[in-house]
Amino acid sequence: SGVEKGGHAKFECPHCKITAPDLKTMQIHHEAKHPKIPFEESK
């Protein structure tokens, strides 16, 4: 979960607060769950 120790979850989605271990996984999540919003790595 990444709450207590930082864990495997490195990135958190700014829209739905789901976590992902790396940038590529977060990009796949974003394209699947938020297709109308452009993916911005800085957010």
PDB file of all heavy atoms in Angstrom:
ATOM      1  N   SER A   1       0.824  -1.213   0.000  1.00  0.00           N
ATOM      2  CA  SER A   1       0.000   0.000   0.000  1.00  0.00           C
ATOM      3  C   SER A   1       0.855   1.260   0.000  1.00  0.00           C
ATOM      4  O   SER A   1       0.438   2.299  -0.480  1.00  0.00           O
ATOM      5  CB  SER A   1      -0.949   0.007   1.195  1.00  0.00           C
ATOM      6  OG  SER A   1      -0.223   0.148   2.393  1.00  0.00           O
ATOM      7  N   GLY A   2       2.054   1.177   0.568  1.00  0.00           N
ATOM      8  CA  GLY A   2       2.955   2.313   0.556  1.00  0.00           C
ATOM      9  C   GLY A   2       2.633   3.360   1.601  1.00  0.00           C
ATOM     10  O   GLY A   2       3.166   4.457   1.560  1.00  0.00           O
ATOM     11  N   VAL A   3       1.786   3.037   2.562  1.00  0.00           N
ATOM     12  CA  VAL A   3       1.388   4.019   3.567  1.00  0.00           C
ATOM     13  C   VAL A   3       2.449   4.171   4.639  1.00  0.00           C
ATOM     14  O   VAL A   3       2.917   5.260   4.928  1.00  0.00           O
ATOM     15  CB  VAL A   3       0.035   3.612   4.205  1.00  0.00           C
ATOM     16  CG1 VAL A   3      -0.338   4.563   5.322  1.00  0.00           C
ATOM     17  CG2 VAL A   3      -1.045   3.585   3.154  1.00  0.00           C
ATOM     18  N   GLU A   4       2.867   3.050   5.233  1.00  0.00           N
ATOM     19  CA  GLU A   4       3.760   3.120   6.384  1.00  0.00           C
ATOM     20  C   GLU A   4       5.232   3.232   6.004  1.00  0.00           C
ATOM     21  O   GLU A   4       5.960   4.070   6.500  1.00  0.00           O
ATOM     22  CB  GLU A   4       3.556   1.881   7.253  1.00  0.00           C
ATOM     23  CG  GLU A   4       4.353   1.906   8.532  1.00  0.00           C
ATOM     24  CD  GLU A   4       4.131   0.661   9.359  1.00  0.00           C
ATOM     25  OE1 GLU A   4       3.070   0.042   9.239  1.00  0.00           O
ATOM     26  OE2 GLU A   4       5.049   0.313  10.113  1.00  0.00           O
ATOM     27  N   LYS A   5       5.693   2.403   5.072  1.00  0.00           N
ATOM     28  CA  LYS A   5       7.121   2.316   4.787  1.00  0.00           C
ATOM     29  C   LYS A   5       7.530   2.892   3.444  1.00  0.00           C
ATOM     30  O   LYS A   5       8.695   2.962   3.138  1.00  0.00           O
ATOM     31  CB  LYS A   5       7.547   0.847   4.803  1.00  0.00           C
ATOM     32  CG  LYS A   5       7.304   0.132   6.101  1.00  0.00           C
ATOM     33  CD  LYS A   5       7.697  -1.308   5.943  1.00  0.00           C
ATOM     34  CE  LYS A   5       7.294  -2.112   7.151  1.00  0.00           C
ATOM     35  NZ  LYS A   5       7.522  -3.519   6.983  1.00  0.00           N
ATOM     36  N   GLY A   6       6.588   3.251   2.605  1.00  0.00           N
ATOM     37  CA  GLY A   6       6.947   3.651   1.256  1.00  0.00           C
ATOM     38  C   GLY A   6       6.727   2.503   0.300  1.00  0.00           C
ATOM     39  O   GLY A   6       6.301   2.701  -0.816  1.00  0.00           O
ATOM     40  N   GLY A   7       7.006   1.314   0.736  1.00  0.00           N
ATOM     41  CA  GLY A   7       6.667   0.074   0.044  1.00  0.00           C
ATOM     42  C   GLY A   7       6.941   0.036  -1.448  1.00  0.00           C
ATOM     43  O   GLY A   7       7.819   0.700  -1.966  1.00  0.00           O
ATOM     44  N   HIS A   8       6.152  -0.760  -2.141  1.00  0.00           N
ATOM     45  CA  HIS A   8       6.304  -0.923  -3.575  1.00  0.00           C
ATOM     46  C   HIS A   8       5.606   0.180  -4.353  1.00  0.00           C
ATOM     47  O   HIS A   8       5.898   0.413  -5.504  1.00  0.00           O
ATOM     48  CB  HIS A   8       5.727  -2.276  -4.015  1.00  0.00           C
ATOM     49  CG  HIS A   8       6.475  -3.434  -3.459  1.00  0.00           C
ATOM     50  ND1 HIS A   8       6.084  -4.092  -2.330  1.00  0.00           N
ATOM     51  CD2 HIS A   8       7.610  -4.044  -3.866  1.00  0.00           C
ATOM     52  CE1 HIS A   8       6.923  -5.055  -2.075  1.00  0.00           C
ATOM     53  NE2 HIS A   8       7.866  -5.054  -2.987  1.00  0.00           N
ATOM     54  N   ALA A   9       4.654   0.818  -3.724  1.00  0.00           N
ATOM     55  CA  ALA A   9       3.873   1.837  -4.406  1.00  0.00           C
ATOM     56  C   ALA A   9       4.644   3.144  -4.412  1.00  0.00           C
ATOM     57  O   ALA A   9       4.760   3.811  -3.397  1.00  0.00           O
ATOM     58  CB  ALA A   9       2.530   2.004  -3.712  1.00  0.00           C
ATOM     59  N   LYS A  10       5.172   3.504  -5.561  1.00  0.00           N
ATOM     60  CA  LYS A  10       5.985   4.717  -5.642  1.00  0.00           C
ATOM     61  C   LYS A  10       5.160   5.918  -6.101  1.00  0.00           C
ATOM     62  O   LYS A  10       5.285   6.997  -5.549  1.00  0.00           O
ATOM     63  CB  LYS A  10       7.151   4.495  -6.595  1.00  0.00           C
ATOM     64  CG  LYS A  10       8.085   5.679  -6.656  1.00  0.00           C
ATOM     65  CD  LYS A  10       9.321   5.383  -7.458  1.00  0.00           C
ATOM     66  CE  LYS A  10      10.252   6.586  -7.443  1.00  0.00           C
ATOM     67  NZ  LYS A  10      11.447   6.360  -8.227  1.00  0.00           N
ATOM     68  N   PHE A  11       4.297   5.722  -7.099  1.00  0.00           N
ATOM     69  CA  PHE A  11       3.531   6.835  -7.649  1.00  0.00           C
ATOM     70  C   PHE A  11       2.061   6.730  -7.276  1.00  0.00           C
ATOM     71  O   PHE A  11       1.514   5.649  -7.150  1.00  0.00           O
ATOM     72  CB  PHE A  11       3.667   6.858  -9.174  1.00  0.00           C
ATOM     73  CG  PHE A  11       5.055   7.157  -9.647  1.00  0.00           C
ATOM     74  CD1 PHE A  11       5.859   6.157 -10.158  1.00  0.00           C
ATOM     75  CD2 PHE A  11       5.575   8.435  -9.562  1.00  0.00           C
ATOM     76  CE1 PHE A  11       7.143   6.425 -10.593  1.00  0.00           C
ATOM     77  CE2 PHE A  11       6.859   8.713  -9.986  1.00  0.00           C
ATOM     78  CZ  PHE A  11       7.645   7.704 -10.502  1.00  0.00           C
ATOM     79  N   GLU A  12       1.432   7.902  -7.110  1.00  0.00           N
ATOM     80  CA  GLU A  12       0.010   7.966  -6.792  1.00  0.00           C
ATOM     81  C   GLU A  12      -0.693   8.798  -7.858  1.00  0.00           C
ATOM     82  O   GLU A  12      -0.230   9.881  -8.216  1.00  0.00           O
ATOM     83  CB  GLU A  12      -0.185   8.616  -5.417  1.00  0.00           C
ATOM     84  CG  GLU A  12      -1.620   8.667  -4.974  1.00  0.00           C
ATOM     85  CD  GLU A  12      -1.761   9.294  -3.602  1.00  0.00           C
ATOM     86  OE1 GLU A  12      -1.411  10.486  -3.462  1.00  0.00           O
ATOM     87  OE2 GLU A  12      -2.200   8.595  -2.689  1.00  0.00           O
ATOM     88  N   CYS A  13      -1.816   8.280  -8.349  1.00  0.00           N
ATOM     89  CA  CYS A  13      -2.588   8.970  -9.376  1.00  0.00           C
ATOM     90  C   CYS A  13      -3.253  10.201  -8.757  1.00  0.00           C
ATOM     91  O   CYS A  13      -3.908  10.096  -7.721  1.00  0.00           O
ATOM     92  CB  CYS A  13      -3.639   8.022  -9.956  1.00  0.00           C
ATOM     93  SG  CYS A  13      -4.663   8.785 -11.219  1.00  0.00           S
ATOM     94  N   PRO A  14      -3.114  11.374  -9.370  1.00  0.00           N
ATOM     95  CA  PRO A  14      -3.720  12.575  -8.793  1.00  0.00           C
ATOM     96  C   PRO A  14      -5.245  12.598  -8.921  1.00  0.00           C
ATOM     97  O   PRO A  14      -5.905  13.356  -8.218  1.00  0.00           O
ATOM     98  CB  PRO A  14      -3.090  13.718  -9.598  1.00  0.00           C
ATOM     99  CG  PRO A  14      -2.671  13.096 -10.873  1.00  0.00           C
ATOM    100  CD  PRO A  14      -2.332  11.672 -10.566  1.00  0.00           C
ATOM    101  N   HIS A  15      -5.810  11.753  -9.775  1.00  0.00           N
ATOM    102  CA  HIS A  15      -7.260  11.770 -10.008  1.00  0.00           C
ATOM    103  C   HIS A  15      -8.006  10.806  -9.099  1.00  0.00           C
ATOM    104  O   HIS A  15      -9.021  11.171  -8.515  1.00  0.00           O
ATOM    105  CB  HIS A  15      -7.557  11.446 -11.475  1.00  0.00           C
ATOM    106  CG  HIS A  15      -6.775  12.283 -12.430  1.00  0.00           C
ATOM    107  ND1 HIS A  15      -6.973  13.641 -12.575  1.00  0.00           N
ATOM    108  CD2 HIS A  15      -5.754  11.965 -13.277  1.00  0.00           C
ATOM    109  CE1 HIS A  15      -6.128  14.117 -13.472  1.00  0.00           C
ATOM    110  NE2 HIS A  15      -5.384  13.121 -13.918  1.00  0.00           N
ATOM    111  N   CYS A  16      -7.515   9.564  -8.975  1.00  0.00           N
ATOM    112  CA  CYS A  16      -8.254   8.557  -8.205  1.00  0.00           C
ATOM    113  C   CYS A  16      -7.467   8.012  -7.017  1.00  0.00           C
ATOM    114  O   CYS A  16      -7.932   7.132  -6.314  1.00  0.00           O
ATOM    115  CB  CYS A  16      -8.690   7.403  -9.107  1.00  0.00           C
ATOM    116  SG  CYS A  16      -7.313   6.511  -9.847  1.00  0.00           S
ATOM    117  N   LYS A  17      -6.250   8.502  -6.792  1.00  0.00           N
ATOM    118  CA  LYS A  17      -5.399   8.152  -5.652  1.00  0.00           C
ATOM    119  C   LYS A  17      -4.950   6.690  -5.622  1.00  0.00           C
ATOM    120  O   LYS A  17      -4.544   6.197  -4.585  1.00  0.00           O
ATOM    121  CB  LYS A  17      -6.096   8.484  -4.318  1.00  0.00           C
ATOM    122  CG  LYS A  17      -6.519   9.918  -4.165  1.00  0.00           C
ATOM    123  CD  LYS A  17      -5.334  10.851  -4.198  1.00  0.00           C
ATOM    124  CE  LYS A  17      -5.800  12.280  -3.983  1.00  0.00           C
ATOM    125  NZ  LYS A  17      -4.788  13.241  -4.357  1.00  0.00           N
ATOM    126  N   ILE A  18      -5.022   5.994  -6.748  1.00  0.00           N
ATOM    127  CA  ILE A  18      -4.511   4.628  -6.794  1.00  0.00           C
ATOM    128  C   ILE A  18      -2.997   4.693  -6.936  1.00  0.00           C
ATOM    129  O   ILE A  18      -2.461   5.657  -7.478  1.00  0.00           O
ATOM    130  CB  ILE A  18      -5.169   3.814  -7.936  1.00  0.00           C
ATOM    131  CG1 ILE A  18      -4.945   2.336  -7.723  1.00  0.00           C
ATOM    132  CG2 ILE A  18      -4.632   4.245  -9.281  1.00  0.00           C
ATOM    133  CD1 ILE A  18      -5.809   1.467  -8.597  1.00  0.00           C
ATOM    134  N   THR A  19      -2.295   3.674  -6.417  1.00  0.00           N
ATOM    135  CA  THR A  19      -0.837   3.701  -6.441  1.00  0.00           C
ATOM    136  C   THR A  19      -0.291   2.704  -7.458  1.00  0.00           C
ATOM    137  O   THR A  19      -0.940   1.717  -7.782  1.00  0.00           O
ATOM    138  CB  THR A  19      -0.264   3.350  -5.053  1.00  0.00           C
ATOM    139  OG1 THR A  19      -0.796   2.102  -4.630  1.00  0.00           O
ATOM    140  CG2 THR A  19      -0.621   4.427  -4.047  1.00  0.00           C
ATOM    141  N   ALA A  20       0.928   2.965  -7.933  1.00  0.00           N
ATOM    142  CA  ALA A  20       1.596   2.108  -8.900  1.00  0.00           C
ATOM    143  C   ALA A  20       3.090   2.093  -8.594  1.00  0.00           C
ATOM    144  O   ALA A  20       3.635   3.082  -8.100  1.00  0.00           O
ATOM    145  CB  ALA A  20       1.365   2.617 -10.319  1.00  0.00           C
ATOM    146  N   PRO A  21       3.780   0.974  -8.894  1.00  0.00           N
ATOM    147  CA  PRO A  21       5.193   0.875  -8.550  1.00  0.00           C
ATOM    148  C   PRO A  21       6.143   1.656  -9.451  1.00  0.00           C
ATOM    149  O   PRO A  21       7.216   2.037  -9.011  1.00  0.00           O
ATOM    150  CB  PRO A  21       5.480  -0.625  -8.651  1.00  0.00           C
ATOM    151  CG  PRO A  21       4.464  -1.137  -9.596  1.00  0.00           C
ATOM    152  CD  PRO A  21       3.247  -0.279  -9.408  1.00  0.00           C
ATOM    153  N   ASP A  22       5.746   1.903 -10.700  1.00  0.00           N
ATOM    154  CA  ASP A  22       6.648   2.634 -11.581  1.00  0.00           C
ATOM    155  C   ASP A  22       5.859   3.511 -12.555  1.00  0.00           C
ATOM    156  O   ASP A  22       4.632   3.474 -12.602  1.00  0.00           O
ATOM    157  CB  ASP A  22       7.581   1.683 -12.338  1.00  0.00           C
ATOM    158  CG  ASP A  22       6.836   0.656 -13.179  1.00  0.00           C
ATOM    159  OD1 ASP A  22       5.603   0.703 -13.219  1.00  0.00           O
ATOM    160  OD2 ASP A  22       7.508  -0.182 -13.808  1.00  0.00           O
ATOM    161  N   LEU A  23       6.591   4.299 -13.308  1.00  0.00           N
ATOM    162  CA  LEU A  23       5.988   5.280 -14.213  1.00  0.00           C
ATOM    163  C   LEU A  23       5.216   4.617 -15.349  1.00  0.00           C
ATOM    164  O   LEU A  23       4.133   5.072 -15.713  1.00  0.00           O
ATOM    165  CB  LEU A  23       7.082   6.188 -14.771  1.00  0.00           C
ATOM    166  CG  LEU A  23       6.625   7.404 -15.557  1.00  0.00           C
ATOM    167  CD1 LEU A  23       5.788   8.318 -14.684  1.00  0.00           C
ATOM    168  CD2 LEU A  23       7.818   8.151 -16.102  1.00  0.00           C
ATOM    169  N   LYS A  24       5.752   3.538 -15.902  1.00  0.00           N
ATOM    170  CA  LYS A  24       5.099   2.852 -17.017  1.00  0.00           C
ATOM    171  C   LYS A  24       3.747   2.266 -16.590  1.00  0.00           C
ATOM    172  O   LYS A  24       2.755   2.379 -17.317  1.00  0.00           O
ATOM    173  CB  LYS A  24       6.017   1.738 -17.541  1.00  0.00           C
ATOM    174  CG  LYS A  24       5.466   1.001 -18.736  1.00  0.00           C
ATOM    175  CD  LYS A  24       5.454   1.880 -19.959  1.00  0.00           C
ATOM    176  CE  LYS A  24       4.962   1.109 -21.167  1.00  0.00           C
ATOM    177  NZ  LYS A  24       4.762   1.952 -22.322  1.00  0.00           N
ATOM    178  N   THR A  25       3.696   1.679 -15.402  1.00  0.00           N
ATOM    179  CA  THR A  25       2.445   1.129 -14.885  1.00  0.00           C
ATOM    180  C   THR A  25       1.426   2.229 -14.649  1.00  0.00           C
ATOM    181  O   THR A  25       0.235   2.064 -14.927  1.00  0.00           O
ATOM    182  CB  THR A  25       2.705   0.357 -13.582  1.00  0.00           C
ATOM    183  OG1 THR A  25       3.739  -0.592 -13.803  1.00  0.00           O
ATOM    184  CG2 THR A  25       1.463  -0.350 -13.100  1.00  0.00           C
ATOM    185  N   MET A  26       1.889   3.369 -14.153  1.00  0.00           N
ATOM    186  CA  MET A  26       0.981   4.497 -13.924  1.00  0.00           C
ATOM    187  C   MET A  26       0.461   5.030 -15.255  1.00  0.00           C
ATOM    188  O   MET A  26      -0.702   5.427 -15.361  1.00  0.00           O
ATOM    189  CB  MET A  26       1.691   5.606 -13.146  1.00  0.00           C
ATOM    190  CG  MET A  26       0.793   6.784 -12.814  1.00  0.00           C
ATOM    191  SD  MET A  26      -0.749   6.364 -11.977  1.00  0.00           S
ATOM    192  CE  MET A  26      -0.155   5.933 -10.374  1.00  0.00           C
ATOM    193  N   GLN A  27       1.282   5.040 -16.279  1.00  0.00           N
ATOM    194  CA  GLN A  27       0.847   5.497 -17.596  1.00  0.00           C
ATOM    195  C   GLN A  27      -0.205   4.546 -18.182  1.00  0.00           C
ATOM    196  O   GLN A  27      -1.205   4.998 -18.747  1.00  0.00           O
ATOM    197  CB  GLN A  27       2.049   5.594 -18.542  1.00  0.00           C
ATOM    198  CG  GLN A  27       1.713   6.223 -19.868  1.00  0.00           C
ATOM    199  CD  GLN A  27       2.958   6.446 -20.718  1.00  0.00           C
ATOM    200  OE1 GLN A  27       4.065   6.105 -20.319  1.00  0.00           O
ATOM    201  NE2 GLN A  27       2.779   7.018 -21.874  1.00  0.00           N
ATOM    202  N   ILE A  28      -0.017   3.240 -18.007  1.00  0.00           N
ATOM    203  CA  ILE A  28      -0.998   2.259 -18.467  1.00  0.00           C
ATOM    204  C   ILE A  28      -2.315   2.452 -17.718  1.00  0.00           C
ATOM    205  O   ILE A  28      -3.396   2.418 -18.313  1.00  0.00           O
ATOM    206  CB  ILE A  28      -0.458   0.829 -18.278  1.00  0.00           C
ATOM    207  CG1 ILE A  28       0.716   0.582 -19.223  1.00  0.00           C
ATOM    208  CG2 ILE A  28      -1.551  -0.214 -18.485  1.00  0.00           C
ATOM    209  CD1 ILE A  28       1.493  -0.672 -18.927  1.00  0.00           C
ATOM    210  N   HIS A  29      -2.242   2.661 -16.403  1.00  0.00           N
ATOM    211  CA  HIS A  29      -3.438   2.911 -15.598  1.00  0.00           C
ATOM    212  C   HIS A  29      -4.158   4.158 -16.094  1.00  0.00           C
ATOM    213  O   HIS A  29      -5.380   4.163 -16.251  1.00  0.00           O
ATOM    214  CB  HIS A  29      -3.060   3.085 -14.122  1.00  0.00           C
ATOM    215  CG  HIS A  29      -4.078   3.866 -13.343  1.00  0.00           C
ATOM    216  ND1 HIS A  29      -5.259   3.308 -12.918  1.00  0.00           N
ATOM    217  CD2 HIS A  29      -4.111   5.165 -12.946  1.00  0.00           C
ATOM    218  CE1 HIS A  29      -5.972   4.240 -12.284  1.00  0.00           C
ATOM    219  NE2 HIS A  29      -5.295   5.362 -12.289  1.00  0.00           N
ATOM    220  N   HIS A  30      -3.403   5.207 -16.345  1.00  0.00           N
ATOM    221  CA  HIS A  30      -3.991   6.484 -16.750  1.00  0.00           C
ATOM    222  C   HIS A  30      -4.698   6.364 -18.100  1.00  0.00           C
ATOM    223  O   HIS A  30      -5.800   6.896 -18.282  1.00  0.00           O
ATOM    224  CB  HIS A  30      -2.912   7.564 -16.805  1.00  0.00           C
ATOM    225  CG  HIS A  30      -3.469   8.944 -16.840  1.00  0.00           C
ATOM    226  ND1 HIS A  30      -3.873   9.550 -18.000  1.00  0.00           N
ATOM    227  CD2 HIS A  30      -3.711   9.832 -15.847  1.00  0.00           C
ATOM    228  CE1 HIS A  30      -4.327  10.747 -17.732  1.00  0.00           C
ATOM    229  NE2 HIS A  30      -4.242  10.944 -16.428  1.00  0.00           N
ATOM    230  N   GLU A  31      -4.085   5.673 -19.045  1.00  0.00           N
ATOM    231  CA  GLU A  31      -4.693   5.496 -20.367  1.00  0.00           C
ATOM    232  C   GLU A  31      -5.964   4.648 -20.287  1.00  0.00           C
ATOM    233  O   GLU A  31      -6.899   4.854 -21.051  1.00  0.00           O
ATOM    234  CB  GLU A  31      -3.694   4.856 -21.323  1.00  0.00           C
ATOM    235  CG  GLU A  31      -2.565   5.795 -21.692  1.00  0.00           C
ATOM    236  CD  GLU A  31      -1.440   5.089 -22.445  1.00  0.00           C
ATOM    237  OE1 GLU A  31      -1.545   3.868 -22.669  1.00  0.00           O
ATOM    238  OE2 GLU A  31      -0.465   5.771 -22.803  1.00  0.00           O
ATOM    239  N   ALA A  32      -6.018   3.696 -19.354  1.00  0.00           N
ATOM    240  CA  ALA A  32      -7.182   2.821 -19.228  1.00  0.00           C
ATOM    241  C   ALA A  32      -8.315   3.477 -18.437  1.00  0.00           C
ATOM    242  O   ALA A  32      -9.487   3.340 -18.800  1.00  0.00           O
ATOM    243  CB  ALA A  32      -6.779   1.517 -18.544  1.00  0.00           C
ATOM    244  N   LYS A  33      -7.986   4.183 -17.373  1.00  0.00           N
ATOM    245  CA  LYS A  33      -9.016   4.711 -16.468  1.00  0.00           C
ATOM    246  C   LYS A  33      -9.379   6.173 -16.708  1.00  0.00           C
ATOM    247  O   LYS A  33     -10.464   6.605 -16.340  1.00  0.00           O
ATOM    248  CB  LYS A  33      -8.565   4.554 -15.002  1.00  0.00           C
ATOM    249  CG  LYS A  33      -8.303   3.124 -14.606  1.00  0.00           C
ATOM    250  CD  LYS A  33      -9.577   2.306 -14.653  1.00  0.00           C
ATOM    251  CE  LYS A  33      -9.288   0.863 -14.260  1.00  0.00           C
ATOM    252  NZ  LYS A  33     -10.455   0.009 -14.352  1.00  0.00           N
ATOM    253  N   HIS A  34      -8.458   6.950 -17.253  1.00  0.00           N
ATOM    254  CA  HIS A  34      -8.704   8.381 -17.477  1.00  0.00           C
ATOM    255  C   HIS A  34      -8.367   8.758 -18.927  1.00  0.00           C
ATOM    256  O   HIS A  34      -7.475   9.590 -19.164  1.00  0.00           O
ATOM    257  CB  HIS A  34      -7.864   9.229 -16.514  1.00  0.00           C
ATOM    258  CG  HIS A  34      -7.855   8.723 -15.100  1.00  0.00           C
ATOM    259  ND1 HIS A  34      -8.959   8.771 -14.295  1.00  0.00           N
ATOM    260  CD2 HIS A  34      -6.875   8.153 -14.364  1.00  0.00           C
ATOM    261  CE1 HIS A  34      -8.650   8.258 -13.111  1.00  0.00           C
ATOM    262  NE2 HIS A  34      -7.397   7.864 -13.133  1.00  0.00           N
ATOM    263  N   PRO A  35      -9.043   8.180 -19.913  1.00  0.00           N
ATOM    264  CA  PRO A  35      -8.647   8.416 -21.312  1.00  0.00           C
ATOM    265  C   PRO A  35      -8.888   9.843 -21.806  1.00  0.00           C
ATOM    266  O   PRO A  35      -8.214  10.298 -22.726  1.00  0.00           O
ATOM    267  CB  PRO A  35      -9.506   7.416 -22.092  1.00  0.00           C
ATOM    268  CG  PRO A  35     -10.678   7.151 -21.219  1.00  0.00           C
ATOM    269  CD  PRO A  35     -10.185   7.280 -19.811  1.00  0.00           C
ATOM    270  N   LYS A  36      -9.822  10.565 -21.175  1.00  0.00           N
ATOM    271  CA  LYS A  36     -10.130  11.922 -21.651  1.00  0.00           C
ATOM    272  C   LYS A  36      -9.175  12.974 -21.101  1.00  0.00           C
ATOM    273  O   LYS A  36      -9.080  14.076 -21.635  1.00  0.00           O
ATOM    274  CB  LYS A  36     -11.566  12.290 -21.253  1.00  0.00           C
ATOM    275  CG  LYS A  36     -12.599  11.421 -21.955  1.00  0.00           C
ATOM    276  CD  LYS A  36     -13.994  11.796 -21.559  1.00  0.00           C
ATOM    277  CE  LYS A  36     -15.001  10.893 -22.253  1.00  0.00           C
ATOM    278  NZ  LYS A  36     -16.373  11.174 -21.851  1.00  0.00           N
ATOM    279  N   ILE A  37      -8.452  12.628 -20.033  1.00  0.00           N
ATOM    280  CA  ILE A  37      -7.518  13.573 -19.415  1.00  0.00           C
ATOM    281  C   ILE A  37      -6.118  13.264 -19.938  1.00  0.00           C
ATOM    282  O   ILE A  37      -5.688  12.112 -19.920  1.00  0.00           O
ATOM    283  CB  ILE A  37      -7.543  13.426 -17.876  1.00  0.00           C
ATOM    284  CG1 ILE A  37      -8.969  13.594 -17.345  1.00  0.00           C
ATOM    285  CG2 ILE A  37      -6.611  14.435 -17.225  1.00  0.00           C
ATOM    286  CD1 ILE A  37      -9.126  13.215 -15.895  1.00  0.00           C
ATOM    287  N   PRO A  38      -5.376  14.275 -20.414  1.00  0.00           N
ATOM    288  CA  PRO A  38      -4.019  14.007 -20.911  1.00  0.00           C
ATOM    289  C   PRO A  38      -3.080  13.607 -19.768  1.00  0.00           C
ATOM    290  O   PRO A  38      -3.174  14.126 -18.661  1.00  0.00           O
ATOM    291  CB  PRO A  38      -3.587  15.329 -21.541  1.00  0.00           C
ATOM    292  CG  PRO A  38      -4.465  16.354 -20.926  1.00  0.00           C
ATOM    293  CD  PRO A  38      -5.756  15.682 -20.572  1.00  0.00           C
ATOM    294  N   PHE A  39      -2.187  12.669 -20.064  1.00  0.00           N
ATOM    295  CA  PHE A  39      -1.234  12.180 -19.058  1.00  0.00           C
ATOM    296  C   PHE A  39      -0.114  13.192 -18.872  1.00  0.00           C
ATOM    297  O   PHE A  39       0.593  13.539 -19.801  1.00  0.00           O
ATOM    298  CB  PHE A  39      -0.652  10.836 -19.498  1.00  0.00           C
ATOM    299  CG  PHE A  39       0.339  10.264 -18.529  1.00  0.00           C
ATOM    300  CD1 PHE A  39      -0.076   9.765 -17.310  1.00  0.00           C
ATOM    301  CD2 PHE A  39       1.688  10.235 -18.841  1.00  0.00           C
ATOM    302  CE1 PHE A  39       0.835   9.220 -16.415  1.00  0.00           C
ATOM    303  CE2 PHE A  39       2.610   9.695 -17.951  1.00  0.00           C
ATOM    304  CZ  PHE A  39       2.179   9.194 -16.737  1.00  0.00           C
ATOM    305  N   GLU A  40       0.039  13.678 -17.649  1.00  0.00           N
ATOM    306  CA  GLU A  40       1.109  14.625 -17.320  1.00  0.00           C
ATOM    307  C   GLU A  40       1.953  14.026 -16.210  1.00  0.00           C
ATOM    308  O   GLU A  40       1.473  13.839 -15.089  1.00  0.00           O
ATOM    309  CB  GLU A  40       0.523  15.964 -16.881  1.00  0.00           C
ATOM    310  CG  GLU A  40      -0.234  16.682 -17.991  1.00  0.00           C
ATOM    311  CD  GLU A  40      -0.803  18.005 -17.520  1.00  0.00           C
ATOM    312  OE1 GLU A  40      -0.141  18.667 -16.710  1.00  0.00           O
ATOM    313  OE2 GLU A  40      -1.896  18.355 -17.971  1.00  0.00           O
ATOM    314  N   GLU A  41       3.183  13.743 -16.524  1.00  0.00           N
ATOM    315  CA  GLU A  41       4.094  13.117 -15.561  1.00  0.00           C
ATOM    316  C   GLU A  41       4.369  14.022 -14.362  1.00  0.00           C
ATOM    317  O   GLU A  41       4.574  13.549 -13.246  1.00  0.00           O
ATOM    318  CB  GLU A  41       5.398  12.765 -16.275  1.00  0.00           C
ATOM    319  CG  GLU A  41       6.326  11.911 -15.480  1.00  0.00           C
ATOM    320  CD  GLU A  41       7.561  11.538 -16.275  1.00  0.00           C
ATOM    321  OE1 GLU A  41       7.457  11.344 -17.489  1.00  0.00           O
ATOM    322  OE2 GLU A  41       8.629  11.449 -15.661  1.00  0.00           O
ATOM    323  N   SER A  42       4.335  15.308 -14.570  1.00  0.00           N
ATOM    324  CA  SER A  42       4.642  16.248 -13.493  1.00  0.00           C
ATOM    325  C   SER A  42       3.569  16.289 -12.403  1.00  0.00           C
ATOM    326  O   SER A  42       3.847  16.689 -11.274  1.00  0.00           O
ATOM    327  CB  SER A  42       4.822  17.648 -14.069  1.00  0.00           C
ATOM    328  OG  SER A  42       3.619  18.072 -14.702  1.00  0.00           O
ATOM    329  N   LYS A  43       2.343  15.866 -12.702  1.00  0.00           N
ATOM    330  CA  LYS A  43       1.262  15.890 -11.713  1.00  0.00           C
ATOM    331  C   LYS A  43       1.244  14.661 -10.796  1.00  0.00           C
ATOM    332  O   LYS A  43       0.520  14.636  -9.817  1.00  0.00           O
ATOM    333  CB  LYS A  43      -0.094  15.996 -12.413  1.00  0.00           C
ATOM    334  CG  LYS A  43      -0.357  17.358 -12.998  1.00  0.00           C
ATOM    335  CD  LYS A  43      -1.778  17.462 -13.475  1.00  0.00           C
ATOM    336  CE  LYS A  43      -2.077  18.863 -13.971  1.00  0.00           C
ATOM    337  NZ  LYS A  43      -3.465  18.990 -14.423  1.00  0.00           N
TER     338      LYS A  43
END
